[in-house]
Protein backbone atom coordinates (compact mmCIF):
# COMPACT_ATOMS: atom_id res chain seq x y z
CA MET A 1 -10.63 22.93 -65.66
CA LYS A 2 -9.62 23.73 -69.42
CA LEU A 3 -6.19 24.85 -68.48
CA GLY A 4 -5.75 21.75 -66.61
CA TRP A 5 -6.33 19.39 -69.49
CA PHE A 6 -3.95 21.75 -71.37
CA ILE A 7 -1.52 21.23 -68.95
CA LEU A 8 -2.05 17.57 -68.84
CA THR A 9 -1.42 17.41 -72.48
CA PHE A 10 2.02 19.21 -72.22
CA SER A 11 2.92 17.31 -69.09
CA MET A 12 2.37 13.84 -71.57
CA LEU A 13 4.13 15.58 -74.53
CA LEU A 14 7.03 16.19 -72.18
CA ASP A 15 6.91 12.45 -70.94
CA VAL A 16 6.69 11.13 -74.64
CA PHE A 17 9.84 13.41 -75.46
CA ALA A 18 11.70 12.08 -72.51
CA CYS A 19 10.71 8.40 -73.36
CA ILE A 20 11.81 8.64 -77.10
CA MET A 21 15.13 10.66 -76.57
CA SER A 22 16.02 8.03 -73.83
CA LYS A 23 17.25 5.89 -76.43
CA GLN A 24 19.51 8.55 -77.75
CA LEU A 25 21.34 8.27 -74.59
CA ALA A 26 23.88 5.80 -75.93
CA GLY A 27 24.77 4.36 -72.52
CA LEU A 28 24.95 7.93 -70.70
CA ARG A 29 27.52 9.23 -73.04
CA ARG A 30 25.45 12.28 -74.22
CA PRO A 31 25.39 14.40 -70.59
CA GLY A 32 23.59 17.47 -72.39
CA LEU A 33 20.87 15.04 -73.54
CA LEU A 34 20.86 13.19 -70.35
CA VAL A 35 19.94 16.66 -68.72
CA ALA A 36 17.19 17.31 -71.12
CA VAL A 37 15.67 14.01 -70.47
CA ALA A 38 15.97 14.19 -66.95
CA ALA A 39 14.48 17.85 -66.61
CA SER A 40 11.61 16.69 -69.05
CA TYR A 41 10.75 13.98 -66.84
CA MET A 42 10.72 16.02 -63.82
CA LEU A 43 8.47 18.98 -65.29
CA SER A 44 6.36 16.07 -66.72
CA MET A 45 5.60 14.77 -63.21
CA ALA A 46 5.56 18.26 -61.64
CA LEU A 47 2.87 19.21 -64.33
CA PHE A 48 1.02 15.88 -63.98
CA ALA A 49 1.02 16.67 -59.95
CA TYR A 50 -0.41 20.05 -60.51
CA CYS A 51 -3.09 18.62 -62.84
CA MET A 52 -4.37 16.33 -59.78
CA LYS A 53 -5.68 19.34 -58.39
CA VAL A 54 -8.11 19.91 -60.71
CA LEU A 55 -8.81 17.18 -62.96
CA PRO A 56 -10.36 13.59 -61.91
CA ILE A 57 -7.32 11.30 -61.56
CA GLY A 58 -8.88 8.43 -63.58
CA PRO A 59 -9.50 10.07 -66.95
CA ALA A 60 -6.60 12.45 -66.60
CA PHE A 61 -4.07 9.15 -65.87
CA ALA A 62 -5.89 7.14 -68.62
CA ILE A 63 -5.17 9.96 -71.16
CA TRP A 64 -1.84 10.53 -69.76
CA SER A 65 -0.38 7.26 -69.75
CA GLY A 66 -2.81 5.60 -72.52
CA ILE A 67 -2.37 8.17 -75.31
CA GLY A 68 1.35 8.74 -74.38
CA MET A 69 2.20 5.15 -74.83
CA VAL A 70 0.16 5.10 -78.24
CA LEU A 71 2.01 8.29 -79.09
CA ILE A 72 5.43 6.62 -78.53
CA ALA A 73 4.37 3.35 -80.13
CA ILE A 74 3.91 5.73 -83.07
CA LEU A 75 7.04 7.60 -82.95
CA SER A 76 9.13 4.77 -82.46
CA MET A 77 7.58 3.34 -85.39
CA VAL A 78 8.81 6.43 -87.37
CA LEU A 79 12.15 7.06 -85.77
CA TYR A 80 13.26 3.44 -85.08
CA ARG A 81 11.30 1.47 -87.23
CA GLN A 82 10.07 -0.72 -84.58
CA ILE A 83 7.06 -2.02 -86.29
CA PRO A 84 4.29 -3.26 -83.79
CA ASP A 85 2.71 -7.04 -84.51
CA GLY A 86 -0.99 -7.13 -84.60
CA PRO A 87 -1.59 -8.29 -81.08
CA ALA A 88 0.45 -4.93 -79.89
CA LEU A 89 -1.83 -3.07 -82.45
CA VAL A 90 -4.96 -4.52 -80.95
CA GLY A 91 -3.77 -3.58 -77.66
CA MET A 92 -3.21 -0.21 -78.66
CA GLY A 93 -6.37 0.14 -79.87
CA PHE A 94 -8.00 -0.95 -76.70
CA ILE A 95 -6.11 1.34 -74.67
CA VAL A 96 -7.18 4.38 -76.97
CA LEU A 97 -11.04 2.66 -76.58
CA GLY A 98 -10.71 2.27 -72.93
CA THR A 99 -9.23 6.28 -72.59
CA VAL A 100 -11.96 7.60 -74.56
CA VAL A 101 -14.60 5.72 -72.86
CA LEU A 102 -13.24 6.90 -69.49
CA SER A 103 -12.84 10.17 -70.39
CA THR A 104 -15.96 11.00 -72.39
CA MET A 105 -18.31 8.77 -70.41
CA SER A 106 -17.31 8.55 -66.92
CA LYS A 107 -18.85 11.18 -64.45
CA MET A 108 -16.15 11.17 -62.16
CA GLN A 109 -15.96 14.32 -59.99
CA VAL A 110 -12.74 16.32 -58.34
CA HIS A 111 -13.26 16.50 -54.37
């Protein structure tokens, strides 16, 4: 099961990489980067699908999507100077809180 969480983390990081690099595609004028982004998305989805065999889908998807979204927001602040406003920060806080609650307090099992 621990390997499943490690693979989920790697899948999430690949998805974050692909999302951040998508902004650099410059209208699909960079074919090498396009291939890297597409490959990252495909590998991310394949790894996520594998994780569903060994992890409960609720907490796994909450971590993958919620923490991934917060990482993308943080990276966009650093790389692209896209600073979130107060409501966006509150929303991200709720996402992190919900992810923590779901992944630490839930008793969901894999069937």
